[in-house]
Amino acid sequence: MSRSKEPVILSGDQASGRDSHGSSLVPMLVAGLLLIAVGSVVVMTFV
């Protein structure tokens, strides 16, 4: 059993971890940061 040594070719989307259909993790990151900011403001109002 011999395996061929072909190079692995990845597109830019696959290499960066971005979904090839256009959605990325940036909207989730922004939503998370907004939730943290709102939560911290709410905590500071009670402290």
C-alpha atoms as a PDB file:
ATOM      1  CA  MET A   1       0.000   0.000   0.000  1.00  0.00           C
ATOM      2  CA  SER A   2       1.701   3.152  -1.154  1.00  0.00           C
ATOM      3  CA  ARG A   3       0.221   6.550  -0.539  1.00  0.00           C
ATOM      4  CA  SER A   4       0.746   9.374  -2.977  1.00  0.00           C
ATOM      5  CA  LYS A   5       2.475  12.403  -1.493  1.00  0.00           C
ATOM      6  CA  GLU A   6       0.224  15.084  -2.920  1.00  0.00           C
ATOM      7  CA  PRO A   7       0.328  18.514  -1.281  1.00  0.00           C
ATOM      8  CA  VAL A   8      -2.683  19.651   0.702  1.00  0.00           C
ATOM      9  CA  ILE A   9      -4.129  22.776  -0.876  1.00  0.00           C
ATOM     10  CA  LEU A  10      -6.439  24.954   1.213  1.00  0.00           C
ATOM     11  CA  SER A  11      -8.282  28.030   0.090  1.00  0.00           C
ATOM     12  CA  GLY A  12      -8.051  31.243   2.107  1.00  0.00           C
ATOM     13  CA  ASP A  13     -11.485  30.643   3.636  1.00  0.00           C
ATOM     14  CA  GLN A  14     -10.589  27.146   4.791  1.00  0.00           C
ATOM     15  CA  ALA A  15      -7.228  28.226   6.182  1.00  0.00           C
ATOM     16  CA  SER A  16      -8.696  31.099   8.175  1.00  0.00           C
ATOM     17  CA  GLY A  17     -11.507  28.979   9.606  1.00  0.00           C
ATOM     18  CA  ARG A  18     -14.171  31.107   7.979  1.00  0.00           C
ATOM     19  CA  ASP A  19     -17.283  29.436   6.651  1.00  0.00           C
ATOM     20  CA  SER A  20     -17.191  29.414   2.869  1.00  0.00           C
ATOM     21  CA  HIS A  21     -20.838  30.586   2.736  1.00  0.00           C
ATOM     22  CA  GLY A  22     -19.892  34.015   4.082  1.00  0.00           C
ATOM     23  CA  SER A  23     -20.679  33.682   7.789  1.00  0.00           C
ATOM     24  CA  SER A  24     -17.786  34.081  10.198  1.00  0.00           C
ATOM     25  CA  LEU A  25     -17.230  34.245  13.920  1.00  0.00           C
ATOM     26  CA  VAL A  26     -17.055  38.049  13.932  1.00  0.00           C
ATOM     27  CA  PRO A  27     -20.810  38.563  14.535  1.00  0.00           C
ATOM     28  CA  MET A  28     -20.662  36.142  17.470  1.00  0.00           C
ATOM     29  CA  LEU A  29     -17.640  37.993  18.854  1.00  0.00           C
ATOM     30  CA  VAL A  30     -19.393  41.359  18.578  1.00  0.00           C
ATOM     31  CA  ALA A  31     -22.557  39.983  20.206  1.00  0.00           C
ATOM     32  CA  GLY A  32     -20.514  38.527  23.054  1.00  0.00           C
ATOM     33  CA  LEU A  33     -18.680  41.795  23.633  1.00  0.00           C
ATOM     34  CA  LEU A  34     -21.977  43.695  23.647  1.00  0.00           C
ATOM     35  CA  LEU A  35     -23.430  41.292  26.203  1.00  0.00           C
ATOM     36  CA  ILE A  36     -20.354  41.707  28.400  1.00  0.00           C
ATOM     37  CA  ALA A  37     -20.566  45.507  28.154  1.00  0.00           C
ATOM     38  CA  VAL A  38     -24.291  45.579  28.985  1.00  0.00           C
ATOM     39  CA  GLY A  39     -23.797  43.125  31.835  1.00  0.00           C
ATOM     40  CA  SER A  40     -20.975  45.159  33.319  1.00  0.00           C
ATOM     41  CA  VAL A  41     -23.088  48.330  33.190  1.00  0.00           C
ATOM     42  CA  VAL A  42     -25.940  46.524  34.947  1.00  0.00           C
ATOM     43  CA  VAL A  43     -23.584  45.219  37.651  1.00  0.00           C
ATOM     44  CA  MET A  44     -22.055  48.670  38.158  1.00  0.00           C
ATOM     45  CA  THR A  45     -25.492  50.228  38.698  1.00  0.00           C
ATOM     46  CA  PHE A  46     -26.052  47.948  41.688  1.00  0.00           C
ATOM     47  CA  VAL A  47     -22.578  48.314  43.187  1.00  0.00           C
END
